[in-house]
Amino acid sequence: MDWNGLKTFIKVVETGSLAAAAKELGVNHSTVFRRLRGLEQDVGAKLLAQQANRYHLTAIGEEFAALGRDIDAKYNDIERLIVGKEYQPKGHVRITAPFNIANRFIPQALKALRKAYPEITVELLASNQEVNMNTRNADIAVRATQTPPGHLVGRKVTSFAWGLFAGKEYLNSQSFQTVSDLKHHNVIGAAGQMCHLPAFNWLEQHYSGQITIRCDELITMSHFAETGQGIALLPMDQLRDNIECVMLVPDIPASELWLLTHPDLKNVERIRVVMKFLTEYFSGLTEMVN
């Protein structure tokens, strides 16, 4: 049985479509289709059935998927073990980070890496969704969290206080002295998964009646504020030229920024080097963003 066929099958099961599986595996749609057909020929049974543009497991496919996930996990363990033996500062490193951190900070953090370690290549996955580190979809995770996952290792490198932000034109035309003045302003609040953050729980409890716009992404909130459509509650990493922090909100705990990797990869030289560059850069940001 071809391992690539099994791996592709598991990825289609996880994502629900050939296109999504192809994207995650870094291959084209036809390759995914061909591998699936080859696997079904090897097994001698149909494993997936298509319905409404999504793939669903057949009865035998359910049993095969359960066994396949175990094999996939063992393969990933073997791959991490092999990678963990690599001691040269060269090779590919995949980093996942939230959008704003990825766009604004990571390029600066790794600027000097290019000259110092030209044989290390970097792939940056900008996403606010957590990437599964066990499957080696990423080697290093930059995460804003108060509770880093226990199965990963790393360190807190900085923290971002939360403040009230507005565009410069808005501030020129409005009076704002204390946090309680929010009750006299339009407020930009959270939607979707962002609602679960402690900062937005606080905002909902105290000023839900003033919320006129909701977004599920911090950068989008900041741009609404920049265009004068209200006050946004944001971490200090959102500070830039056309938007100002009116004041910090001491009632909201600072967001911690962690650098994390899988324990099997912590001694891989290329990952250790990239972690070092990221740590030094973010540690130096503390005074600027707090």
C-alpha atoms as a PDB file:
ATOM      1  CA  MET A   1       0.000   0.000   0.000  1.00  0.00           C
ATOM      2  CA  ASP A   2       1.303   3.456  -0.980  1.00  0.00           C
ATOM      3  CA  TRP A   3       1.907   5.679   2.076  1.00  0.00           C
ATOM      4  CA  ASN A   4       1.085   8.815   0.049  1.00  0.00           C
ATOM      5  CA  GLY A   5      -2.334   7.368  -0.731  1.00  0.00           C
ATOM      6  CA  LEU A   6      -3.089   6.778   2.953  1.00  0.00           C
ATOM      7  CA  LYS A   7      -1.793  10.215   3.956  1.00  0.00           C
ATOM      8  CA  THR A   8      -3.908  11.849   1.243  1.00  0.00           C
ATOM      9  CA  PHE A   9      -6.992   9.907   2.307  1.00  0.00           C
ATOM     10  CA  ILE A  10      -6.606  11.071   5.928  1.00  0.00           C
ATOM     11  CA  LYS A  11      -6.165  14.681   4.790  1.00  0.00           C
ATOM     12  CA  VAL A  12      -9.340  14.540   2.674  1.00  0.00           C
ATOM     13  CA  VAL A  13     -11.213  13.135   5.671  1.00  0.00           C
ATOM     14  CA  GLU A  14      -9.908  15.972   7.865  1.00  0.00           C
ATOM     15  CA  THR A  15     -10.652  18.777   5.398  1.00  0.00           C
ATOM     16  CA  GLY A  16     -13.750  17.409   3.668  1.00  0.00           C
ATOM     17  CA  SER A  17     -12.637  18.254   0.124  1.00  0.00           C
ATOM     18  CA  LEU A  18     -10.005  17.394  -2.464  1.00  0.00           C
ATOM     19  CA  ALA A  19      -9.112  21.057  -3.001  1.00  0.00           C
ATOM     20  CA  ALA A  20      -8.461  21.721   0.701  1.00  0.00           C
ATOM     21  CA  ALA A  21      -6.454  18.513   1.031  1.00  0.00           C
ATOM     22  CA  ALA A  22      -4.375  19.415  -2.038  1.00  0.00           C
ATOM     23  CA  LYS A  23      -3.603  22.851  -0.572  1.00  0.00           C
ATOM     24  CA  GLU A  24      -2.426  21.433   2.762  1.00  0.00           C
ATOM     25  CA  LEU A  25      -0.355  18.705   1.095  1.00  0.00           C
ATOM     26  CA  GLY A  26       1.187  21.099  -1.416  1.00  0.00           C
ATOM     27  CA  VAL A  27       0.062  19.113  -4.476  1.00  0.00           C
ATOM     28  CA  ASN A  28      -2.502  19.693  -7.214  1.00  0.00           C
ATOM     29  CA  HIS A  29      -6.119  18.502  -7.294  1.00  0.00           C
ATOM     30  CA  SER A  30      -5.500  15.745  -9.826  1.00  0.00           C
ATOM     31  CA  THR A  31      -2.702  14.246  -7.714  1.00  0.00           C
ATOM     32  CA  VAL A  32      -5.053  13.973  -4.719  1.00  0.00           C
ATOM     33  CA  PHE A  33      -7.724  12.341  -6.908  1.00  0.00           C
ATOM     34  CA  ARG A  34      -5.211   9.891  -8.395  1.00  0.00           C
ATOM     35  CA  ARG A  35      -3.832   8.893  -4.984  1.00  0.00           C
ATOM     36  CA  LEU A  36      -7.339   8.287  -3.626  1.00  0.00           C
ATOM     37  CA  ARG A  37      -8.323   6.110  -6.576  1.00  0.00           C
ATOM     38  CA  GLY A  38      -5.062   4.150  -6.232  1.00  0.00           C
ATOM     39  CA  LEU A  39      -5.668   3.587  -2.513  1.00  0.00           C
ATOM     40  CA  GLU A  40      -9.220   2.368  -3.127  1.00  0.00           C
ATOM     41  CA  GLN A  41      -7.893  -0.041  -5.764  1.00  0.00           C
ATOM     42  CA  ASP A  42      -5.311  -1.354  -3.291  1.00  0.00           C
ATOM     43  CA  VAL A  43      -7.973  -1.802  -0.597  1.00  0.00           C
ATOM     44  CA  GLY A  44     -10.537  -3.187  -2.998  1.00  0.00           C
ATOM     45  CA  ALA A  45     -13.363  -1.028  -1.692  1.00  0.00           C
ATOM     46  CA  LYS A  46     -14.773   2.484  -2.010  1.00  0.00           C
ATOM     47  CA  LEU A  47     -13.692   4.572   1.007  1.00  0.00           C
ATOM     48  CA  LEU A  48     -15.253   7.946   0.189  1.00  0.00           C
ATOM     49  CA  ALA A  49     -18.530   9.065  -1.362  1.00  0.00           C
ATOM     50  CA  GLN A  50     -19.130  12.583  -2.716  1.00  0.00           C
ATOM     51  CA  GLN A  51     -22.220  14.539  -1.695  1.00  0.00           C
ATOM     52  CA  ALA A  52     -22.858  18.277  -2.178  1.00  0.00           C
ATOM     53  CA  ASN A  53     -19.214  18.970  -3.134  1.00  0.00           C
ATOM     54  CA  ARG A  54     -17.906  17.326   0.050  1.00  0.00           C
ATOM     55  CA  TYR A  55     -16.545  13.841   0.639  1.00  0.00           C
ATOM     56  CA  HIS A  56     -18.043  11.552   3.266  1.00  0.00           C
ATOM     57  CA  LEU A  57     -16.792   8.229   4.582  1.00  0.00           C
ATOM     58  CA  THR A  58     -18.428   5.001   3.516  1.00  0.00           C
ATOM     59  CA  ALA A  59     -18.989   2.290   6.126  1.00  0.00           C
ATOM     60  CA  ILE A  60     -15.667   0.604   5.389  1.00  0.00           C
ATOM     61  CA  GLY A  61     -14.111   4.033   5.048  1.00  0.00           C
ATOM     62  CA  GLU A  62     -15.013   4.758   8.691  1.00  0.00           C
ATOM     63  CA  GLU A  63     -13.080   1.682   9.878  1.00  0.00           C
ATOM     64  CA  PHE A  64     -10.189   2.375   7.528  1.00  0.00           C
ATOM     65  CA  ALA A  65      -9.958   6.024   8.689  1.00  0.00           C
ATOM     66  CA  ALA A  66      -9.725   4.992  12.342  1.00  0.00           C
ATOM     67  CA  LEU A  67      -6.787   2.704  11.574  1.00  0.00           C
ATOM     68  CA  GLY A  68      -5.291   5.214   9.160  1.00  0.00           C
ATOM     69  CA  ARG A  69      -5.182   7.989  11.768  1.00  0.00           C
ATOM     70  CA  ASP A  70      -3.166   5.769  14.082  1.00  0.00           C
ATOM     71  CA  ILE A  71      -0.711   4.980  11.281  1.00  0.00           C
ATOM     72  CA  ASP A  72      -0.523   8.655  10.327  1.00  0.00           C
ATOM     73  CA  ALA A  73       0.270   9.641  13.922  1.00  0.00           C
ATOM     74  CA  LYS A  74       3.030   7.018  14.153  1.00  0.00           C
ATOM     75  CA  TYR A  75       4.514   8.189  10.865  1.00  0.00           C
ATOM     76  CA  ASN A  76       4.588  11.782  12.134  1.00  0.00           C
ATOM     77  CA  ASP A  77       6.331  10.565  15.311  1.00  0.00           C
ATOM     78  CA  ILE A  78       8.977   8.851  13.174  1.00  0.00           C
ATOM     79  CA  GLU A  79       9.404  11.945  10.987  1.00  0.00           C
ATOM     80  CA  ARG A  80       9.864  14.223  14.016  1.00  0.00           C
ATOM     81  CA  LEU A  81      12.375  11.767  15.497  1.00  0.00           C
ATOM     82  CA  ILE A  82      14.406  11.818  12.285  1.00  0.00           C
ATOM     83  CA  VAL A  83      14.186  15.607  11.987  1.00  0.00           C
ATOM     84  CA  GLY A  84      15.191  15.902  15.640  1.00  0.00           C
ATOM     85  CA  LYS A  85      18.564  14.360  14.810  1.00  0.00           C
ATOM     86  CA  GLU A  86      19.451  17.189  12.442  1.00  0.00           C
ATOM     87  CA  TYR A  87      22.254  19.351  13.827  1.00  0.00           C
ATOM     88  CA  GLN A  88      23.123  21.604  10.878  1.00  0.00           C
ATOM     89  CA  PRO A  89      21.729  25.183  10.667  1.00  0.00           C
ATOM     90  CA  LYS A  90      20.115  24.633   7.295  1.00  0.00           C
ATOM     91  CA  GLY A  91      16.827  23.471   5.868  1.00  0.00           C
ATOM     92  CA  HIS A  92      13.189  24.571   5.883  1.00  0.00           C
ATOM     93  CA  VAL A  93      11.336  26.041   8.888  1.00  0.00           C
ATOM     94  CA  ARG A  94       7.568  26.589   8.908  1.00  0.00           C
ATOM     95  CA  ILE A  95       6.228  29.308  11.227  1.00  0.00           C
ATOM     96  CA  THR A  96       2.586  30.021  12.041  1.00  0.00           C
ATOM     97  CA  ALA A  97       1.547  33.373  13.494  1.00  0.00           C
ATOM     98  CA  PRO A  98      -1.591  35.565  13.794  1.00  0.00           C
ATOM     99  CA  PHE A  99      -2.140  37.953  10.896  1.00  0.00           C
ATOM    100  CA  ASN A 100      -0.901  41.173  12.484  1.00  0.00           C
ATOM    101  CA  ILE A 101       2.146  39.514  14.078  1.00  0.00           C
ATOM    102  CA  ALA A 102       2.950  37.803  10.774  1.00  0.00           C
ATOM    103  CA  ASN A 103       2.580  40.966   8.702  1.00  0.00           C
ATOM    104  CA  ARG A 104       4.149  43.559  10.967  1.00  0.00           C
ATOM    105  CA  PHE A 105       6.717  41.826  13.149  1.00  0.00           C
ATOM    106  CA  ILE A 106       7.957  38.512  11.718  1.00  0.00           C
ATOM    107  CA  PRO A 107       9.645  40.009   8.608  1.00  0.00           C
ATOM    108  CA  GLN A 108      11.601  42.429  10.812  1.00  0.00           C
ATOM    109  CA  ALA A 109      12.407  39.696  13.323  1.00  0.00           C
ATOM    110  CA  LEU A 110      13.970  37.505  10.642  1.00  0.00           C
ATOM    111  CA  LYS A 111      15.620  40.231   8.558  1.00  0.00           C
ATOM    112  CA  ALA A 112      19.108  39.472   9.902  1.00  0.00           C
ATOM    113  CA  LEU A 113      18.563  35.707   9.569  1.00  0.00           C
ATOM    114  CA  ARG A 114      18.989  35.869   5.786  1.00  0.00           C
ATOM    115  CA  LYS A 115      22.591  37.033   5.996  1.00  0.00           C
ATOM    116  CA  ALA A 116      23.591  35.011   9.047  1.00  0.00           C
ATOM    117  CA  TYR A 117      22.073  31.694   7.932  1.00  0.00           C
ATOM    118  CA  PRO A 118      21.467  31.720   4.152  1.00  0.00           C
ATOM    119  CA  GLU A 119      20.808  27.963   4.084  1.00  0.00           C
ATOM    120  CA  ILE A 120      17.757  28.283   6.322  1.00  0.00           C
ATOM    121  CA  THR A 121      14.545  28.895   4.355  1.00  0.00           C
ATOM    122  CA  VAL A 122      11.349  30.095   6.009  1.00  0.00           C
ATOM    123  CA  GLU A 123       7.677  29.488   5.247  1.00  0.00           C
ATOM    124  CA  LEU A 124       5.276  31.785   7.119  1.00  0.00           C
ATOM    125  CA  LEU A 125       1.663  30.669   7.590  1.00  0.00           C
ATOM    126  CA  ALA A 126      -0.390  33.737   8.565  1.00  0.00           C
ATOM    127  CA  SER A 127      -3.533  32.571  10.330  1.00  0.00           C
ATOM    128  CA  ASN A 128      -5.566  33.321  13.433  1.00  0.00           C
ATOM    129  CA  GLN A 129      -6.460  29.624  13.630  1.00  0.00           C
ATOM    130  CA  GLU A 130      -4.281  27.261  15.635  1.00  0.00           C
ATOM    131  CA  VAL A 131      -2.202  24.950  13.442  1.00  0.00           C
ATOM    132  CA  ASN A 132      -1.802  21.336  14.541  1.00  0.00           C
ATOM    133  CA  MET A 133       1.856  21.092  15.580  1.00  0.00           C
ATOM    134  CA  ASN A 134       1.717  17.303  15.936  1.00  0.00           C
ATOM    135  CA  THR A 135       1.320  16.854  12.185  1.00  0.00           C
ATOM    136  CA  ARG A 136       4.299  19.132  11.399  1.00  0.00           C
ATOM    137  CA  ASN A 137       2.115  21.570   9.454  1.00  0.00           C
ATOM    138  CA  ALA A 138       4.272  24.095  11.338  1.00  0.00           C
ATOM    139  CA  ASP A 139       7.551  23.849  13.254  1.00  0.00           C
ATOM    140  CA  ILE A 140       7.222  27.053  15.307  1.00  0.00           C
ATOM    141  CA  ALA A 141       4.021  28.676  16.543  1.00  0.00           C
ATOM    142  CA  VAL A 142       3.814  32.327  17.576  1.00  0.00           C
ATOM    143  CA  ARG A 143       0.692  32.470  19.716  1.00  0.00           C
ATOM    144  CA  ALA A 144      -1.049  35.148  21.743  1.00  0.00           C
ATOM    145  CA  THR A 145      -2.359  33.171  24.716  1.00  0.00           C
ATOM    146  CA  GLN A 146      -2.488  33.089  28.492  1.00  0.00           C
ATOM    147  CA  THR A 147      -2.478  29.277  28.490  1.00  0.00           C
ATOM    148  CA  PRO A 148      -0.027  27.722  25.995  1.00  0.00           C
ATOM    149  CA  PRO A 149      -0.752  24.059  25.155  1.00  0.00           C
ATOM    150  CA  GLY A 150       0.931  21.655  27.559  1.00  0.00           C
ATOM    151  CA  HIS A 151       2.174  19.357  24.784  1.00  0.00           C
ATOM    152  CA  LEU A 152       4.365  22.134  23.304  1.00  0.00           C
ATOM    153  CA  VAL A 153       7.548  23.716  24.686  1.00  0.00           C
ATOM    154  CA  GLY A 154       8.726  27.308  24.494  1.00  0.00           C
ATOM    155  CA  ARG A 155       8.666  30.601  26.340  1.00  0.00           C
ATOM    156  CA  LYS A 156       6.774  33.858  26.722  1.00  0.00           C
ATOM    157  CA  VAL A 157       8.692  36.556  24.812  1.00  0.00           C
ATOM    158  CA  THR A 158       6.591  39.664  25.420  1.00  0.00           C
ATOM    159  CA  SER A 159       3.098  40.862  26.277  1.00  0.00           C
ATOM    160  CA  PHE A 160       0.730  43.441  24.796  1.00  0.00           C
ATOM    161  CA  ALA A 161      -1.407  45.690  26.978  1.00  0.00           C
ATOM    162  CA  TRP A 162      -4.919  46.579  25.757  1.00  0.00           C
ATOM    163  CA  GLY A 163      -6.052  50.103  25.020  1.00  0.00           C
ATOM    164  CA  LEU A 164      -8.760  52.208  23.409  1.00  0.00           C
ATOM    165  CA  PHE A 165      -7.880  53.262  19.856  1.00  0.00           C
ATOM    166  CA  ALA A 166      -9.277  55.846  17.462  1.00  0.00           C
ATOM    167  CA  GLY A 167      -8.364  57.602  14.239  1.00  0.00           C
ATOM    168  CA  LYS A 168      -6.675  60.999  14.509  1.00  0.00           C
ATOM    169  CA  GLU A 169      -9.542  62.913  12.865  1.00  0.00           C
ATOM    170  CA  TYR A 170     -12.037  61.291  15.215  1.00  0.00           C
ATOM    171  CA  LEU A 171     -10.024  62.353  18.263  1.00  0.00           C
ATOM    172  CA  ASN A 172      -9.808  65.925  16.974  1.00  0.00           C
ATOM    173  CA  SER A 173     -13.576  66.196  16.914  1.00  0.00           C
ATOM    174  CA  GLN A 174     -14.496  64.187  20.044  1.00  0.00           C
ATOM    175  CA  SER A 175     -13.891  64.544  23.764  1.00  0.00           C
ATOM    176  CA  PHE A 176     -12.384  61.566  25.556  1.00  0.00           C
ATOM    177  CA  GLN A 177     -11.015  61.762  29.103  1.00  0.00           C
ATOM    178  CA  THR A 178     -11.662  58.449  30.900  1.00  0.00           C
ATOM    179  CA  VAL A 179     -12.593  54.872  30.029  1.00  0.00           C
ATOM    180  CA  SER A 180     -16.146  55.547  31.215  1.00  0.00           C
ATOM    181  CA  ASP A 181     -16.488  58.085  28.373  1.00  0.00           C
ATOM    182  CA  LEU A 182     -17.017  55.062  26.098  1.00  0.00           C
ATOM    183  CA  LYS A 183     -20.720  55.316  26.951  1.00  0.00           C
ATOM    184  CA  HIS A 184     -20.849  58.490  24.822  1.00  0.00           C
ATOM    185  CA  HIS A 185     -19.154  56.973  21.754  1.00  0.00           C
ATOM    186  CA  ASN A 186     -19.739  54.417  19.038  1.00  0.00           C
ATOM    187  CA  VAL A 187     -17.711  51.321  19.847  1.00  0.00           C
ATOM    188  CA  ILE A 188     -16.220  48.692  17.534  1.00  0.00           C
ATOM    189  CA  GLY A 189     -16.679  45.251  19.092  1.00  0.00           C
ATOM    190  CA  ALA A 190     -15.952  41.602  18.423  1.00  0.00           C
ATOM    191  CA  ALA A 191     -17.675  38.885  16.414  1.00  0.00           C
ATOM    192  CA  GLY A 192     -17.118  35.141  16.047  1.00  0.00           C
ATOM    193  CA  GLN A 193     -14.296  33.528  17.984  1.00  0.00           C
ATOM    194  CA  MET A 194     -12.947  36.934  19.042  1.00  0.00           C
ATOM    195  CA  CYS A 195     -15.884  37.233  21.457  1.00  0.00           C
ATOM    196  CA  HIS A 196     -14.232  34.642  23.713  1.00  0.00           C
ATOM    197  CA  LEU A 197     -11.209  36.820  24.473  1.00  0.00           C
ATOM    198  CA  PRO A 198     -11.215  38.313  28.021  1.00  0.00           C
ATOM    199  CA  ALA A 199     -10.891  41.836  26.600  1.00  0.00           C
ATOM    200  CA  PHE A 200     -14.097  41.541  24.608  1.00  0.00           C
ATOM    201  CA  ASN A 201     -15.919  39.842  27.476  1.00  0.00           C
ATOM    202  CA  TRP A 202     -15.127  43.002  29.462  1.00  0.00           C
ATOM    203  CA  LEU A 203     -16.355  45.214  26.612  1.00  0.00           C
ATOM    204  CA  GLU A 204     -19.628  43.282  26.329  1.00  0.00           C
ATOM    205  CA  GLN A 205     -20.244  43.462  30.073  1.00  0.00           C
ATOM    206  CA  HIS A 206     -19.739  47.217  30.314  1.00  0.00           C
ATOM    207  CA  TYR A 207     -20.455  48.799  26.914  1.00  0.00           C
ATOM    208  CA  SER A 208     -22.428  46.379  24.736  1.00  0.00           C
ATOM    209  CA  GLY A 209     -25.054  49.053  24.101  1.00  0.00           C
ATOM    210  CA  GLN A 210     -22.490  51.299  22.420  1.00  0.00           C
ATOM    211  CA  ILE A 211     -21.257  48.651  19.940  1.00  0.00           C
ATOM    212  CA  THR A 212     -22.298  49.639  16.408  1.00  0.00           C
ATOM    213  CA  ILE A 213     -19.791  47.592  14.392  1.00  0.00           C
ATOM    214  CA  ARG A 214     -18.496  44.064  15.000  1.00  0.00           C
ATOM    215  CA  CYS A 215     -15.508  42.305  13.430  1.00  0.00           C
ATOM    216  CA  ASP A 216     -13.881  38.899  13.871  1.00  0.00           C
ATOM    217  CA  GLU A 217     -10.327  40.162  13.268  1.00  0.00           C
ATOM    218  CA  LEU A 218      -8.226  42.776  15.101  1.00  0.00           C
ATOM    219  CA  ILE A 219      -6.685  44.399  12.019  1.00  0.00           C
ATOM    220  CA  THR A 220     -10.165  44.957  10.568  1.00  0.00           C
ATOM    221  CA  MET A 221     -11.292  46.571  13.837  1.00  0.00           C
ATOM    222  CA  SER A 222      -8.302  48.904  13.731  1.00  0.00           C
ATOM    223  CA  HIS A 223      -9.136  50.047  10.194  1.00  0.00           C
ATOM    224  CA  PHE A 224     -12.743  50.814  11.158  1.00  0.00           C
ATOM    225  CA  ALA A 225     -11.364  52.938  13.996  1.00  0.00           C
ATOM    226  CA  GLU A 226      -8.840  54.582  11.669  1.00  0.00           C
ATOM    227  CA  THR A 227     -11.655  55.757   9.370  1.00  0.00           C
ATOM    228  CA  GLY A 228     -13.384  57.525  12.286  1.00  0.00           C
ATOM    229  CA  GLN A 229     -16.250  55.083  12.827  1.00  0.00           C
ATOM    230  CA  GLY A 230     -15.753  54.706  16.565  1.00  0.00           C
ATOM    231  CA  ILE A 231     -13.469  53.564  19.373  1.00  0.00           C
ATOM    232  CA  ALA A 232     -11.841  50.125  19.136  1.00  0.00           C
ATOM    233  CA  LEU A 233     -10.494  48.022  21.994  1.00  0.00           C
ATOM    234  CA  LEU A 234      -7.188  46.605  20.738  1.00  0.00           C
ATOM    235  CA  PRO A 235      -3.849  45.228  21.944  1.00  0.00           C
ATOM    236  CA  MET A 236      -0.911  47.610  21.628  1.00  0.00           C
ATOM    237  CA  ASP A 237       0.600  45.688  18.709  1.00  0.00           C
ATOM    238  CA  GLN A 238      -2.060  47.381  16.553  1.00  0.00           C
ATOM    239  CA  LEU A 239      -0.538  50.833  17.083  1.00  0.00           C
ATOM    240  CA  ARG A 240       0.532  52.502  13.807  1.00  0.00           C
ATOM    241  CA  ASP A 241       0.785  55.948  12.210  1.00  0.00           C
ATOM    242  CA  ASN A 242      -2.886  56.648  11.422  1.00  0.00           C
ATOM    243  CA  ILE A 243      -4.416  55.332  14.625  1.00  0.00           C
ATOM    244  CA  GLU A 244      -3.743  56.431  18.198  1.00  0.00           C
ATOM    245  CA  CYS A 245      -4.096  54.784  21.572  1.00  0.00           C
ATOM    246  CA  VAL A 246      -6.327  57.098  23.610  1.00  0.00           C
ATOM    247  CA  MET A 247      -5.531  55.295  26.864  1.00  0.00           C
ATOM    248  CA  LEU A 248      -4.704  51.870  28.283  1.00  0.00           C
ATOM    249  CA  VAL A 249      -7.396  49.814  29.999  1.00  0.00           C
ATOM    250  CA  PRO A 250      -5.866  48.508  33.240  1.00  0.00           C
ATOM    251  CA  ASP A 251      -8.844  46.233  33.982  1.00  0.00           C
ATOM    252  CA  ILE A 252      -7.896  44.000  31.029  1.00  0.00           C
ATOM    253  CA  PRO A 253      -4.936  41.621  31.475  1.00  0.00           C
ATOM    254  CA  ALA A 254      -2.135  41.935  28.924  1.00  0.00           C
ATOM    255  CA  SER A 255      -2.011  39.365  26.129  1.00  0.00           C
ATOM    256  CA  GLU A 256       1.055  37.166  26.379  1.00  0.00           C
ATOM    257  CA  LEU A 257       2.992  36.257  23.237  1.00  0.00           C
ATOM    258  CA  TRP A 258       4.596  32.801  23.239  1.00  0.00           C
ATOM    259  CA  LEU A 259       7.046  31.042  20.935  1.00  0.00           C
ATOM    260  CA  LEU A 260       6.285  27.332  20.868  1.00  0.00           C
ATOM    261  CA  THR A 261       7.507  24.174  19.160  1.00  0.00           C
ATOM    262  CA  HIS A 262       7.074  20.435  19.497  1.00  0.00           C
ATOM    263  CA  PRO A 263       9.381  18.788  22.091  1.00  0.00           C
ATOM    264  CA  ASP A 264      10.807  16.488  19.394  1.00  0.00           C
ATOM    265  CA  LEU A 265      12.010  19.523  17.424  1.00  0.00           C
ATOM    266  CA  LYS A 266      13.462  21.749  20.146  1.00  0.00           C
ATOM    267  CA  ASN A 267      17.055  20.553  19.543  1.00  0.00           C
ATOM    268  CA  VAL A 268      16.920  20.783  15.746  1.00  0.00           C
ATOM    269  CA  GLU A 269      19.550  23.391  14.944  1.00  0.00           C
ATOM    270  CA  ARG A 270      17.653  25.333  12.275  1.00  0.00           C
ATOM    271  CA  ILE A 271      14.593  25.578  14.534  1.00  0.00           C
ATOM    272  CA  ARG A 272      16.718  26.560  17.513  1.00  0.00           C
ATOM    273  CA  VAL A 273      18.334  29.320  15.436  1.00  0.00           C
ATOM    274  CA  VAL A 274      15.020  30.737  14.197  1.00  0.00           C
ATOM    275  CA  MET A 275      13.572  30.591  17.715  1.00  0.00           C
ATOM    276  CA  LYS A 276      16.605  32.545  18.935  1.00  0.00           C
ATOM    277  CA  PHE A 277      16.121  35.326  16.377  1.00  0.00           C
ATOM    278  CA  LEU A 278      12.395  35.562  17.162  1.00  0.00           C
ATOM    279  CA  THR A 279      13.001  35.572  20.919  1.00  0.00           C
ATOM    280  CA  GLU A 280      15.577  38.354  20.761  1.00  0.00           C
ATOM    281  CA  TYR A 281      13.361  40.512  18.550  1.00  0.00           C
ATOM    282  CA  PHE A 282      10.134  40.158  20.512  1.00  0.00           C
ATOM    283  CA  SER A 283      11.892  40.550  23.851  1.00  0.00           C
ATOM    284  CA  GLY A 284      13.147  43.930  22.608  1.00  0.00           C
ATOM    285  CA  LEU A 285       9.605  45.071  21.786  1.00  0.00           C
ATOM    286  CA  THR A 286       8.426  45.135  25.393  1.00  0.00           C
ATOM    287  CA  GLU A 287       8.939  48.843  26.058  1.00  0.00           C
ATOM    288  CA  MET A 288       7.485  49.863  22.706  1.00  0.00           C
ATOM    289  CA  VAL A 289       4.196  48.031  22.942  1.00  0.00           C
ATOM    290  CA  ASN A 290       3.364  48.191  26.657  1.00  0.00           C
END
